[in-house]
Amino acid sequence: LDNLLRAGLGSRMQALVLEPGRLPRLRVDGEEREVTRTALDGE
């Protein structure tokens, strides 16, 4: 998880959003953008 968190901090993120069945997203300036091409499940 560190790589995603570092990327988020480097992008001045407000949040890193991990939601089952969806791609990880960074929330920056109130907008969300996908940061990988692999969707995550709950496990």
PDB file of all heavy atoms in Angstrom:
ATOM      1  N   LEU A   1       0.819  -1.206   0.000  1.00  0.00           N
ATOM      2  CA  LEU A   1       0.000   0.000   0.000  1.00  0.00           C
ATOM      3  C   LEU A   1       0.861   1.269   0.000  1.00  0.00           C
ATOM      4  O   LEU A   1       0.387   2.346  -0.374  1.00  0.00           O
ATOM      5  CB  LEU A   1      -0.929  -0.004   1.220  1.00  0.00           C
ATOM      6  CG  LEU A   1      -2.090   0.991   1.249  1.00  0.00           C
ATOM      7  CD1 LEU A   1      -2.967   0.842   0.033  1.00  0.00           C
ATOM      8  CD2 LEU A   1      -2.900   0.828   2.515  1.00  0.00           C
ATOM      9  N   ASP A   2       2.140   1.142   0.404  1.00  0.00           N
ATOM     10  CA  ASP A   2       2.993   2.329   0.526  1.00  0.00           C
ATOM     11  C   ASP A   2       3.135   3.076  -0.793  1.00  0.00           C
ATOM     12  O   ASP A   2       3.157   4.315  -0.822  1.00  0.00           O
ATOM     13  CB  ASP A   2       4.378   1.933   1.041  1.00  0.00           C
ATOM     14  CG  ASP A   2       4.353   1.609   2.538  1.00  0.00           C
ATOM     15  OD1 ASP A   2       3.281   1.763   3.144  1.00  0.00           O
ATOM     16  OD2 ASP A   2       5.409   1.208   3.069  1.00  0.00           O
ATOM     17  N   ASN A   3       3.278   2.330  -1.911  1.00  0.00           N
ATOM     18  CA  ASN A   3       3.461   2.999  -3.201  1.00  0.00           C
ATOM     19  C   ASN A   3       2.269   3.874  -3.557  1.00  0.00           C
ATOM     20  O   ASN A   3       2.415   4.995  -4.053  1.00  0.00           O
ATOM     21  CB  ASN A   3       3.697   1.969  -4.311  1.00  0.00           C
ATOM     22  CG  ASN A   3       5.113   1.432  -4.303  1.00  0.00           C
ATOM     23  OD1 ASN A   3       6.029   2.090  -3.837  1.00  0.00           O
ATOM     24  ND2 ASN A   3       5.293   0.215  -4.807  1.00  0.00           N
ATOM     25  N   LEU A   4       1.057   3.350  -3.318  1.00  0.00           N
ATOM     26  CA  LEU A   4      -0.135   4.143  -3.611  1.00  0.00           C
ATOM     27  C   LEU A   4      -0.214   5.364  -2.701  1.00  0.00           C
ATOM     28  O   LEU A   4      -0.581   6.455  -3.140  1.00  0.00           O
ATOM     29  CB  LEU A   4      -1.388   3.281  -3.453  1.00  0.00           C
ATOM     30  CG  LEU A   4      -1.661   2.266  -4.577  1.00  0.00           C
ATOM     31  CD1 LEU A   4      -2.832   1.374  -4.203  1.00  0.00           C
ATOM     32  CD2 LEU A   4      -1.946   2.973  -5.882  1.00  0.00           C
ATOM     33  N   LEU A   5       0.143   5.181  -1.422  1.00  0.00           N
ATOM     34  CA  LEU A   5       0.105   6.305  -0.495  1.00  0.00           C
ATOM     35  C   LEU A   5       1.134   7.360  -0.872  1.00  0.00           C
ATOM     36  O   LEU A   5       0.854   8.560  -0.825  1.00  0.00           O
ATOM     37  CB  LEU A   5       0.345   5.805   0.931  1.00  0.00           C
ATOM     38  CG  LEU A   5      -0.756   4.906   1.519  1.00  0.00           C
ATOM     39  CD1 LEU A   5      -0.338   4.342   2.866  1.00  0.00           C
ATOM     40  CD2 LEU A   5      -2.062   5.680   1.661  1.00  0.00           C
ATOM     41  N   ARG A   6       2.340   6.923  -1.240  1.00  0.00           N
ATOM     42  CA  ARG A   6       3.369   7.890  -1.662  1.00  0.00           C
ATOM     43  C   ARG A   6       2.905   8.670  -2.888  1.00  0.00           C
ATOM     44  O   ARG A   6       3.107   9.882  -2.995  1.00  0.00           O
ATOM     45  CB  ARG A   6       4.668   7.158  -1.987  1.00  0.00           C
ATOM     46  CG  ARG A   6       5.499   6.788  -0.775  1.00  0.00           C
ATOM     47  CD  ARG A   6       6.931   6.450  -1.165  1.00  0.00           C
ATOM     48  NE  ARG A   6       7.655   6.010  -0.002  1.00  0.00           N
ATOM     49  CZ  ARG A   6       7.797   4.745   0.365  1.00  0.00           C
ATOM     50  NH1 ARG A   6       7.264   3.791  -0.390  1.00  0.00           N
ATOM     51  NH2 ARG A   6       8.451   4.414   1.455  1.00  0.00           N
ATOM     52  N   ALA A   7       2.329   7.934  -3.830  1.00  0.00           N
ATOM     53  CA  ALA A   7       1.839   8.591  -5.044  1.00  0.00           C
ATOM     54  C   ALA A   7       0.786   9.625  -4.685  1.00  0.00           C
ATOM     55  O   ALA A   7       0.765  10.724  -5.241  1.00  0.00           O
ATOM     56  CB  ALA A   7       1.265   7.555  -5.994  1.00  0.00           C
ATOM     57  N   GLY A   8      -0.077   9.271  -3.757  1.00  0.00           N
ATOM     58  CA  GLY A   8      -1.114  10.203  -3.354  1.00  0.00           C
ATOM     59  C   GLY A   8      -0.558  11.440  -2.685  1.00  0.00           C
ATOM     60  O   GLY A   8      -0.973  12.567  -2.969  1.00  0.00           O
ATOM     61  N   LEU A   9       0.426  11.254  -1.792  1.00  0.00           N
ATOM     62  CA  LEU A   9       1.027  12.396  -1.121  1.00  0.00           C
ATOM     63  C   LEU A   9       1.743  13.289  -2.123  1.00  0.00           C
ATOM     64  O   LEU A   9       1.714  14.514  -2.016  1.00  0.00           O
ATOM     65  CB  LEU A   9       2.002  11.905  -0.039  1.00  0.00           C
ATOM     66  CG  LEU A   9       1.346  11.175   1.147  1.00  0.00           C
ATOM     67  CD1 LEU A   9       2.409  10.599   2.047  1.00  0.00           C
ATOM     68  CD2 LEU A   9       0.438  12.122   1.923  1.00  0.00           C
ATOM     69  N   GLY A  10       2.395  12.655  -3.111  1.00  0.00           N
ATOM     70  CA  GLY A  10       3.071  13.440  -4.146  1.00  0.00           C
ATOM     71  C   GLY A  10       2.097  14.220  -5.006  1.00  0.00           C
ATOM     72  O   GLY A  10       2.455  15.216  -5.622  1.00  0.00           O
ATOM     73  N   SER A  11       0.845  13.767  -5.053  1.00  0.00           N
ATOM     74  CA  SER A  11      -0.182  14.448  -5.855  1.00  0.00           C
ATOM     75  C   SER A  11      -1.040  15.378  -5.011  1.00  0.00           C
ATOM     76  O   SER A  11      -2.040  15.887  -5.471  1.00  0.00           O
ATOM     77  CB  SER A  11      -1.097  13.407  -6.517  1.00  0.00           C
ATOM     78  OG  SER A  11      -0.361  12.536  -7.320  1.00  0.00           O
ATOM     79  N   ARG A  12      -0.622  15.578  -3.729  1.00  0.00           N
ATOM     80  CA  ARG A  12      -1.405  16.423  -2.806  1.00  0.00           C
ATOM     81  C   ARG A  12      -2.825  15.890  -2.662  1.00  0.00           C
ATOM     82  O   ARG A  12      -3.797  16.624  -2.773  1.00  0.00           O
ATOM     83  CB  ARG A  12      -1.411  17.876  -3.289  1.00  0.00           C
ATOM     84  CG  ARG A  12      -0.014  18.460  -3.452  1.00  0.00           C
ATOM     85  CD  ARG A  12      -0.050  19.856  -4.026  1.00  0.00           C
ATOM     86  NE  ARG A  12       1.287  20.355  -4.273  1.00  0.00           N
ATOM     87  CZ  ARG A  12       1.551  21.540  -4.837  1.00  0.00           C
ATOM     88  NH1 ARG A  12       0.568  22.316  -5.210  1.00  0.00           N
ATOM     89  NH2 ARG A  12       2.793  21.924  -5.033  1.00  0.00           N
ATOM     90  N   MET A  13      -2.908  14.605  -2.425  1.00  0.00           N
ATOM     91  CA  MET A  13      -4.228  13.976  -2.350  1.00  0.00           C
ATOM     92  C   MET A  13      -4.979  14.417  -1.105  1.00  0.00           C
ATOM     93  O   MET A  13      -4.398  14.783  -0.082  1.00  0.00           O
ATOM     94  CB  MET A  13      -4.077  12.453  -2.320  1.00  0.00           C
ATOM     95  CG  MET A  13      -3.552  11.911  -0.999  1.00  0.00           C
ATOM     96  SD  MET A  13      -3.633  10.114  -0.917  1.00  0.00           S
ATOM     97  CE  MET A  13      -3.008   9.868   0.760  1.00  0.00           C
ATOM     98  N   GLN A  14      -6.289  14.358  -1.219  1.00  0.00           N
ATOM     99  CA  GLN A  14      -7.149  14.498  -0.057  1.00  0.00           C
ATOM    100  C   GLN A  14      -7.542  13.126   0.476  1.00  0.00           C
ATOM    101  O   GLN A  14      -7.818  12.969   1.659  1.00  0.00           O
ATOM    102  CB  GLN A  14      -8.403  15.302  -0.438  1.00  0.00           C
ATOM    103  CG  GLN A  14      -8.065  16.723  -0.863  1.00  0.00           C
ATOM    104  CD  GLN A  14      -9.159  17.343  -1.694  1.00  0.00           C
ATOM    105  OE1 GLN A  14      -9.864  16.648  -2.416  1.00  0.00           O
ATOM    106  NE2 GLN A  14      -9.283  18.667  -1.623  1.00  0.00           N
ATOM    107  N   ALA A  15      -7.552  12.134  -0.421  1.00  0.00           N
ATOM    108  CA  ALA A  15      -7.909  10.781   0.003  1.00  0.00           C
ATOM    109  C   ALA A  15      -7.465   9.774  -1.049  1.00  0.00           C
ATOM    110  O   ALA A  15      -7.345  10.094  -2.228  1.00  0.00           O
ATOM    111  CB  ALA A  15      -9.418  10.661   0.219  1.00  0.00           C
ATOM    112  N   LEU A  16      -7.191   8.557  -0.561  1.00  0.00           N
ATOM    113  CA  LEU A  16      -7.002   7.397  -1.429  1.00  0.00           C
ATOM    114  C   LEU A  16      -8.225   6.523  -1.223  1.00  0.00           C
ATOM    115  O   LEU A  16      -8.539   6.124  -0.100  1.00  0.00           O
ATOM    116  CB  LEU A  16      -5.737   6.636  -1.032  1.00  0.00           C
ATOM    117  CG  LEU A  16      -5.566   5.239  -1.635  1.00  0.00           C
ATOM    118  CD1 LEU A  16      -5.362   5.334  -3.142  1.00  0.00           C
ATOM    119  CD2 LEU A  16      -4.394   4.510  -0.985  1.00  0.00           C
ATOM    120  N   VAL A  17      -8.930   6.230  -2.291  1.00  0.00           N
ATOM    121  CA  VAL A  17     -10.196   5.509  -2.196  1.00  0.00           C
ATOM    122  C   VAL A  17     -10.014   4.092  -2.732  1.00  0.00           C
ATOM    123  O   VAL A  17      -9.671   3.896  -3.898  1.00  0.00           O
ATOM    124  CB  VAL A  17     -11.311   6.235  -2.984  1.00  0.00           C
ATOM    125  CG1 VAL A  17     -12.647   5.495  -2.820  1.00  0.00           C
ATOM    126  CG2 VAL A  17     -11.432   7.681  -2.519  1.00  0.00           C
ATOM    127  N   LEU A  18     -10.240   3.103  -1.858  1.00  0.00           N
ATOM    128  CA  LEU A  18     -10.155   1.690  -2.232  1.00  0.00           C
ATOM    129  C   LEU A  18     -11.531   1.083  -2.034  1.00  0.00           C
ATOM    130  O   LEU A  18     -12.001   0.939  -0.906  1.00  0.00           O
ATOM    131  CB  LEU A  18      -9.125   0.961  -1.359  1.00  0.00           C
ATOM    132  CG  LEU A  18      -7.724   1.577  -1.288  1.00  0.00           C
ATOM    133  CD1 LEU A  18      -6.860   0.812  -0.301  1.00  0.00           C
ATOM    134  CD2 LEU A  18      -7.080   1.591  -2.671  1.00  0.00           C
ATOM    135  N   GLU A  19     -12.170   0.734  -3.117  1.00  0.00           N
ATOM    136  CA  GLU A  19     -13.545   0.253  -3.038  1.00  0.00           C
ATOM    137  C   GLU A  19     -13.672  -1.055  -3.798  1.00  0.00           C
ATOM    138  O   GLU A  19     -13.184  -1.159  -4.937  1.00  0.00           O
ATOM    139  CB  GLU A  19     -14.491   1.302  -3.632  1.00  0.00           C
ATOM    140  CG  GLU A  19     -15.957   0.993  -3.397  1.00  0.00           C
ATOM    141  CD  GLU A  19     -16.838   2.152  -3.813  1.00  0.00           C
ATOM    142  OE1 GLU A  19     -16.314   3.221  -4.178  1.00  0.00           O
ATOM    143  OE2 GLU A  19     -18.067   1.975  -3.779  1.00  0.00           O
ATOM    144  N   PRO A  20     -14.270  -2.098  -3.208  1.00  0.00           N
ATOM    145  CA  PRO A  20     -14.374  -3.401  -3.885  1.00  0.00           C
ATOM    146  C   PRO A  20     -14.999  -3.285  -5.272  1.00  0.00           C
ATOM    147  O   PRO A  20     -15.998  -2.578  -5.463  1.00  0.00           O
ATOM    148  CB  PRO A  20     -15.274  -4.212  -2.936  1.00  0.00           C
ATOM    149  CG  PRO A  20     -15.079  -3.575  -1.607  1.00  0.00           C
ATOM    150  CD  PRO A  20     -14.904  -2.116  -1.869  1.00  0.00           C
ATOM    151  N   GLY A  21     -14.355  -3.982  -6.233  1.00  0.00           N
ATOM    152  CA  GLY A  21     -14.889  -4.021  -7.583  1.00  0.00           C
ATOM    153  C   GLY A  21     -14.548  -2.824  -8.436  1.00  0.00           C
ATOM    154  O   GLY A  21     -14.969  -2.746  -9.599  1.00  0.00           O
ATOM    155  N   ARG A  22     -13.775  -1.878  -7.894  1.00  0.00           N
ATOM    156  CA  ARG A  22     -13.429  -0.686  -8.654  1.00  0.00           C
ATOM    157  C   ARG A  22     -11.918  -0.464  -8.625  1.00  0.00           C
ATOM    158  O   ARG A  22     -11.206  -1.013  -7.786  1.00  0.00           O
ATOM    159  CB  ARG A  22     -14.153   0.544  -8.089  1.00  0.00           C
ATOM    160  CG  ARG A  22     -15.678   0.435  -8.155  1.00  0.00           C
ATOM    161  CD  ARG A  22     -16.331   1.750  -7.812  1.00  0.00           C
ATOM    162  NE  ARG A  22     -15.963   2.799  -8.749  1.00  0.00           N
ATOM    163  CZ  ARG A  22     -16.354   4.080  -8.615  1.00  0.00           C
ATOM    164  NH1 ARG A  22     -17.125   4.427  -7.586  1.00  0.00           N
ATOM    165  NH2 ARG A  22     -15.982   4.990  -9.496  1.00  0.00           N
ATOM    166  N   LEU A  23     -11.434   0.372  -9.562  1.00  0.00           N
ATOM    167  CA  LEU A  23     -10.017   0.705  -9.584  1.00  0.00           C
ATOM    168  C   LEU A  23      -9.687   1.646  -8.430  1.00  0.00           C
ATOM    169  O   LEU A  23     -10.518   2.495  -8.065  1.00  0.00           O
ATOM    170  CB  LEU A  23      -9.645   1.381 -10.903  1.00  0.00           C
ATOM    171  CG  LEU A  23      -9.833   0.554 -12.191  1.00  0.00           C
ATOM    172  CD1 LEU A  23      -9.538   1.426 -13.402  1.00  0.00           C
ATOM    173  CD2 LEU A  23      -8.928  -0.654 -12.188  1.00  0.00           C
ATOM    174  N   PRO A  24      -8.501   1.531  -7.815  1.00  0.00           N
ATOM    175  CA  PRO A  24      -8.076   2.510  -6.806  1.00  0.00           C
ATOM    176  C   PRO A  24      -8.099   3.911  -7.392  1.00  0.00           C
ATOM    177  O   PRO A  24      -7.746   4.125  -8.562  1.00  0.00           O
ATOM    178  CB  PRO A  24      -6.650   2.064  -6.464  1.00  0.00           C
ATOM    179  CG  PRO A  24      -6.610   0.618  -6.809  1.00  0.00           C
ATOM    180  CD  PRO A  24      -7.498   0.465  -8.007  1.00  0.00           C
ATOM    181  N   ARG A  25      -8.485   4.888  -6.555  1.00  0.00           N
ATOM    182  CA  ARG A  25      -8.632   6.256  -7.038  1.00  0.00           C
ATOM    183  C   ARG A  25      -8.017   7.229  -6.046  1.00  0.00           C
ATOM    184  O   ARG A  25      -8.029   6.999  -4.835  1.00  0.00           O
ATOM    185  CB  ARG A  25     -10.115   6.597  -7.256  1.00  0.00           C
ATOM    186  CG  ARG A  25     -10.815   5.599  -8.152  1.00  0.00           C
ATOM    187  CD  ARG A  25     -12.241   5.917  -8.447  1.00  0.00           C
ATOM    188  NE  ARG A  25     -13.124   6.100  -7.329  1.00  0.00           N
ATOM    189  CZ  ARG A  25     -13.626   5.108  -6.574  1.00  0.00           C
ATOM    190  NH1 ARG A  25     -13.260   3.851  -6.798  1.00  0.00           N
ATOM    191  NH2 ARG A  25     -14.470   5.353  -5.603  1.00  0.00           N
ATOM    192  N   LEU A  26      -7.477   8.325  -6.582  1.00  0.00           N
ATOM    193  CA  LEU A  26      -6.999   9.422  -5.757  1.00  0.00           C
ATOM    194  C   LEU A  26      -8.009  10.560  -5.843  1.00  0.00           C
ATOM    195  O   LEU A  26      -8.491  10.884  -6.928  1.00  0.00           O
ATOM    196  CB  LEU A  26      -5.635   9.924  -6.230  1.00  0.00           C
ATOM    197  CG  LEU A  26      -4.412   9.034  -5.989  1.00  0.00           C
ATOM    198  CD1 LEU A  26      -3.164   9.725  -6.503  1.00  0.00           C
ATOM    199  CD2 LEU A  26      -4.269   8.680  -4.526  1.00  0.00           C
ATOM    200  N   ARG A  27      -8.308  11.142  -4.690  1.00  0.00           N
ATOM    201  CA  ARG A  27      -9.176  12.320  -4.676  1.00  0.00           C
ATOM    202  C   ARG A  27      -8.285  13.543  -4.521  1.00  0.00           C
ATOM    203  O   ARG A  27      -7.597  13.711  -3.505  1.00  0.00           O
ATOM    204  CB  ARG A  27     -10.178  12.252  -3.534  1.00  0.00           C
ATOM    205  CG  ARG A  27     -11.185  13.422  -3.551  1.00  0.00           C
ATOM    206  CD  ARG A  27     -12.166  13.322  -2.394  1.00  0.00           C
ATOM    207  NE  ARG A  27     -12.907  12.072  -2.463  1.00  0.00           N
ATOM    208  CZ  ARG A  27     -13.291  11.382  -1.397  1.00  0.00           C
ATOM    209  NH1 ARG A  27     -12.973  11.799  -0.185  1.00  0.00           N
ATOM    210  NH2 ARG A  27     -13.981  10.270  -1.536  1.00  0.00           N
ATOM    211  N   VAL A  28      -8.238  14.376  -5.555  1.00  0.00           N
ATOM    212  CA  VAL A  28      -7.409  15.575  -5.577  1.00  0.00           C
ATOM    213  C   VAL A  28      -8.282  16.745  -5.999  1.00  0.00           C
ATOM    214  O   VAL A  28      -8.963  16.678  -7.019  1.00  0.00           O
ATOM    215  CB  VAL A  28      -6.221  15.419  -6.552  1.00  0.00           C
ATOM    216  CG1 VAL A  28      -5.366  16.682  -6.544  1.00  0.00           C
ATOM    217  CG2 VAL A  28      -5.370  14.205  -6.200  1.00  0.00           C
ATOM    218  N   ASP A  29      -8.260  17.802  -5.200  1.00  0.00           N
ATOM    219  CA  ASP A  29      -9.084  18.991  -5.493  1.00  0.00           C
ATOM    220  C   ASP A  29     -10.550  18.621  -5.684  1.00  0.00           C
ATOM    221  O   ASP A  29     -11.244  19.167  -6.543  1.00  0.00           O
ATOM    222  CB  ASP A  29      -8.574  19.711  -6.743  1.00  0.00           C
ATOM    223  CG  ASP A  29      -7.178  20.300  -6.541  1.00  0.00           C
ATOM    224  OD1 ASP A  29      -6.817  20.528  -5.372  1.00  0.00           O
ATOM    225  OD2 ASP A  29      -6.478  20.517  -7.540  1.00  0.00           O
ATOM    226  N   GLY A  30     -11.008  17.664  -4.897  1.00  0.00           N
ATOM    227  CA  GLY A  30     -12.412  17.279  -4.930  1.00  0.00           C
ATOM    228  C   GLY A  30     -12.778  16.341  -6.055  1.00  0.00           C
ATOM    229  O   GLY A  30     -13.918  15.880  -6.126  1.00  0.00           O
ATOM    230  N   GLU A  31     -11.830  16.032  -6.947  1.00  0.00           N
ATOM    231  CA  GLU A  31     -12.105  15.130  -8.062  1.00  0.00           C
ATOM    232  C   GLU A  31     -11.339  13.836  -7.882  1.00  0.00           C
ATOM    233  O   GLU A  31     -10.239  13.813  -7.319  1.00  0.00           O
ATOM    234  CB  GLU A  31     -11.721  15.786  -9.392  1.00  0.00           C
ATOM    235  CG  GLU A  31     -12.525  17.035  -9.701  1.00  0.00           C
ATOM    236  CD  GLU A  31     -12.162  17.609 -11.058  1.00  0.00           C
ATOM    237  OE1 GLU A  31     -11.226  17.070 -11.691  1.00  0.00           O
ATOM    238  OE2 GLU A  31     -12.799  18.591 -11.473  1.00  0.00           O
ATOM    239  N   GLU A  32     -11.926  12.734  -8.368  1.00  0.00           N
ATOM    240  CA  GLU A  32     -11.287  11.435  -8.249  1.00  0.00           C
ATOM    241  C   GLU A  32     -10.749  10.991  -9.604  1.00  0.00           C
ATOM    242  O   GLU A  32     -11.385  11.220 -10.629  1.00  0.00           O
ATOM    243  CB  GLU A  32     -12.272  10.390  -7.729  1.00  0.00           C
ATOM    244  CG  GLU A  32     -12.693  10.630  -6.283  1.00  0.00           C
ATOM    245  CD  GLU A  32     -13.595   9.514  -5.742  1.00  0.00           C
ATOM    246  OE1 GLU A  32     -13.910   8.578  -6.510  1.00  0.00           O
ATOM    247  OE2 GLU A  32     -13.987   9.579  -4.556  1.00  0.00           O
ATOM    248  N   ARG A  33      -9.543  10.371  -9.582  1.00  0.00           N
ATOM    249  CA  ARG A  33      -8.994   9.814 -10.817  1.00  0.00           C
ATOM    250  C   ARG A  33      -8.396   8.446 -10.509  1.00  0.00           C
ATOM    251  O   ARG A  33      -7.828   8.214  -9.431  1.00  0.00           O
ATOM    252  CB  ARG A  33      -7.943  10.733 -11.428  1.00  0.00           C
ATOM    253  CG  ARG A  33      -6.674  10.879 -10.627  1.00  0.00           C
ATOM    254  CD  ARG A  33      -5.586  11.508 -11.515  1.00  0.00           C
ATOM    255  NE  ARG A  33      -4.332  11.628 -10.814  1.00  0.00           N
ATOM    256  CZ  ARG A  33      -3.938  12.708 -10.162  1.00  0.00           C
ATOM    257  NH1 ARG A  33      -4.731  13.759 -10.130  1.00  0.00           N
ATOM    258  NH2 ARG A  33      -2.769  12.733  -9.542  1.00  0.00           N
ATOM    259  N   GLU A  34      -8.522   7.533 -11.471  1.00  0.00           N
ATOM    260  CA  GLU A  34      -8.019   6.172 -11.299  1.00  0.00           C
ATOM    261  C   GLU A  34      -6.504   6.173 -11.395  1.00  0.00           C
ATOM    262  O   GLU A  34      -5.913   6.907 -12.177  1.00  0.00           O
ATOM    263  CB  GLU A  34      -8.628   5.256 -12.362  1.00  0.00           C
ATOM    264  CG  GLU A  34     -10.141   5.171 -12.250  1.00  0.00           C
ATOM    265  CD  GLU A  34     -10.794   4.552 -13.485  1.00  0.00           C
ATOM    266  OE1 GLU A  34     -10.105   4.428 -14.514  1.00  0.00           O
ATOM    267  OE2 GLU A  34     -11.984   4.207 -13.419  1.00  0.00           O
ATOM    268  N   VAL A  35      -5.852   5.310 -10.589  1.00  0.00           N
ATOM    269  CA  VAL A  35      -4.391   5.312 -10.556  1.00  0.00           C
ATOM    270  C   VAL A  35      -3.768   3.964 -10.906  1.00  0.00           C
ATOM    271  O   VAL A  35      -2.554   3.868 -11.040  1.00  0.00           O
ATOM    272  CB  VAL A  35      -3.866   5.764  -9.174  1.00  0.00           C
ATOM    273  CG1 VAL A  35      -4.155   7.221  -8.958  1.00  0.00           C
ATOM    274  CG2 VAL A  35      -4.439   4.915  -8.055  1.00  0.00           C
ATOM    275  N   THR A  36      -4.527   2.910 -11.053  1.00  0.00           N
ATOM    276  CA  THR A  36      -3.983   1.637 -11.537  1.00  0.00           C
ATOM    277  C   THR A  36      -4.987   1.053 -12.521  1.00  0.00           C
ATOM    278  O   THR A  36      -6.094   1.579 -12.684  1.00  0.00           O
ATOM    279  CB  THR A  36      -3.743   0.613 -10.408  1.00  0.00           C
ATOM    280  OG1 THR A  36      -4.995   0.105  -9.943  1.00  0.00           O
ATOM    281  CG2 THR A  36      -2.976   1.219  -9.248  1.00  0.00           C
ATOM    282  N   ARG A  37      -4.611  -0.048 -13.143  1.00  0.00           N
ATOM    283  CA  ARG A  37      -5.513  -0.675 -14.111  1.00  0.00           C
ATOM    284  C   ARG A  37      -6.102  -1.973 -13.588  1.00  0.00           C
ATOM    285  O   ARG A  37      -6.670  -2.733 -14.348  1.00  0.00           O
ATOM    286  CB  ARG A  37      -4.768  -0.928 -15.428  1.00  0.00           C
ATOM    287  CG  ARG A  37      -3.540  -1.780 -15.322  1.00  0.00           C
ATOM    288  CD  ARG A  37      -2.752  -1.808 -16.610  1.00  0.00           C
ATOM    289  NE  ARG A  37      -1.540  -2.587 -16.536  1.00  0.00           N
ATOM    290  CZ  ARG A  37      -1.461  -3.888 -16.768  1.00  0.00           C
ATOM    291  NH1 ARG A  37      -2.534  -4.560 -17.117  1.00  0.00           N
ATOM    292  NH2 ARG A  37      -0.313  -4.529 -16.684  1.00  0.00           N
ATOM    293  N   THR A  38      -5.921  -2.238 -12.280  1.00  0.00           N
ATOM    294  CA  THR A  38      -6.413  -3.478 -11.689  1.00  0.00           C
ATOM    295  C   THR A  38      -7.435  -3.168 -10.609  1.00  0.00           C
ATOM    296  O   THR A  38      -7.119  -2.491  -9.620  1.00  0.00           O
ATOM    297  CB  THR A  38      -5.261  -4.297 -11.077  1.00  0.00           C
ATOM    298  OG1 THR A  38      -4.264  -4.515 -12.079  1.00  0.00           O
ATOM    299  CG2 THR A  38      -5.767  -5.629 -10.549  1.00  0.00           C
ATOM    300  N   ALA A  39      -8.661  -3.654 -10.787  1.00  0.00           N
ATOM    301  CA  ALA A  39      -9.695  -3.465  -9.774  1.00  0.00           C
ATOM    302  C   ALA A  39      -9.394  -4.350  -8.561  1.00  0.00           C
ATOM    303  O   ALA A  39      -8.786  -5.415  -8.674  1.00  0.00           O
ATOM    304  CB  ALA A  39     -11.066  -3.798 -10.348  1.00  0.00           C
ATOM    305  N   LEU A  40      -9.795  -3.881  -7.383  1.00  0.00           N
ATOM    306  CA  LEU A  40      -9.544  -4.611  -6.139  1.00  0.00           C
ATOM    307  C   LEU A  40     -10.846  -5.196  -5.599  1.00  0.00           C
ATOM    308  O   LEU A  40     -11.899  -4.554  -5.656  1.00  0.00           O
ATOM    309  CB  LEU A  40      -8.946  -3.671  -5.087  1.00  0.00           C
ATOM    310  CG  LEU A  40      -7.639  -2.945  -5.472  1.00  0.00           C
ATOM    311  CD1 LEU A  40      -7.234  -2.005  -4.355  1.00  0.00           C
ATOM    312  CD2 LEU A  40      -6.537  -3.949  -5.763  1.00  0.00           C
ATOM    313  N   ASP A  41     -10.758  -6.419  -5.087  1.00  0.00           N
ATOM    314  CA  ASP A  41     -11.925  -6.977  -4.400  1.00  0.00           C
ATOM    315  C   ASP A  41     -11.760  -6.744  -2.898  1.00  0.00           C
ATOM    316  O   ASP A  41     -10.717  -6.283  -2.418  1.00  0.00           O
ATOM    317  CB  ASP A  41     -12.100  -8.461  -4.711  1.00  0.00           C
ATOM    318  CG  ASP A  41     -10.875  -9.296  -4.362  1.00  0.00           C
ATOM    319  OD1 ASP A  41     -10.052  -8.847  -3.537  1.00  0.00           O
ATOM    320  OD2 ASP A  41     -10.734 -10.404  -4.915  1.00  0.00           O
ATOM    321  N   GLY A  42     -12.792  -7.054  -2.124  1.00  0.00           N
ATOM    322  CA  GLY A  42     -12.765  -6.811  -0.686  1.00  0.00           C
ATOM    323  C   GLY A  42     -11.622  -7.536   0.004  1.00  0.00           C
ATOM    324  O   GLY A  42     -10.977  -7.000   0.916  1.00  0.00           O
ATOM    325  N   GLU A  43     -11.335  -8.771  -0.432  1.00  0.00           N
ATOM    326  CA  GLU A  43     -10.259  -9.549   0.191  1.00  0.00           C
ATOM    327  C   GLU A  43      -8.907  -8.895  -0.042  1.00  0.00           C
ATOM    328  O   GLU A  43      -8.061  -8.826   0.853  1.00  0.00           O
ATOM    329  CB  GLU A  43     -10.266 -10.972  -0.370  1.00  0.00           C
ATOM    330  CG  GLU A  43      -9.210 -11.872   0.245  1.00  0.00           C
ATOM    331  CD  GLU A  43      -9.244 -13.270  -0.347  1.00  0.00           C
ATOM    332  OE1 GLU A  43     -10.197 -13.582  -1.083  1.00  0.00           O
ATOM    333  OE2 GLU A  43      -8.307 -14.036  -0.073  1.00  0.00           O
TER     334      GLU A  43
END
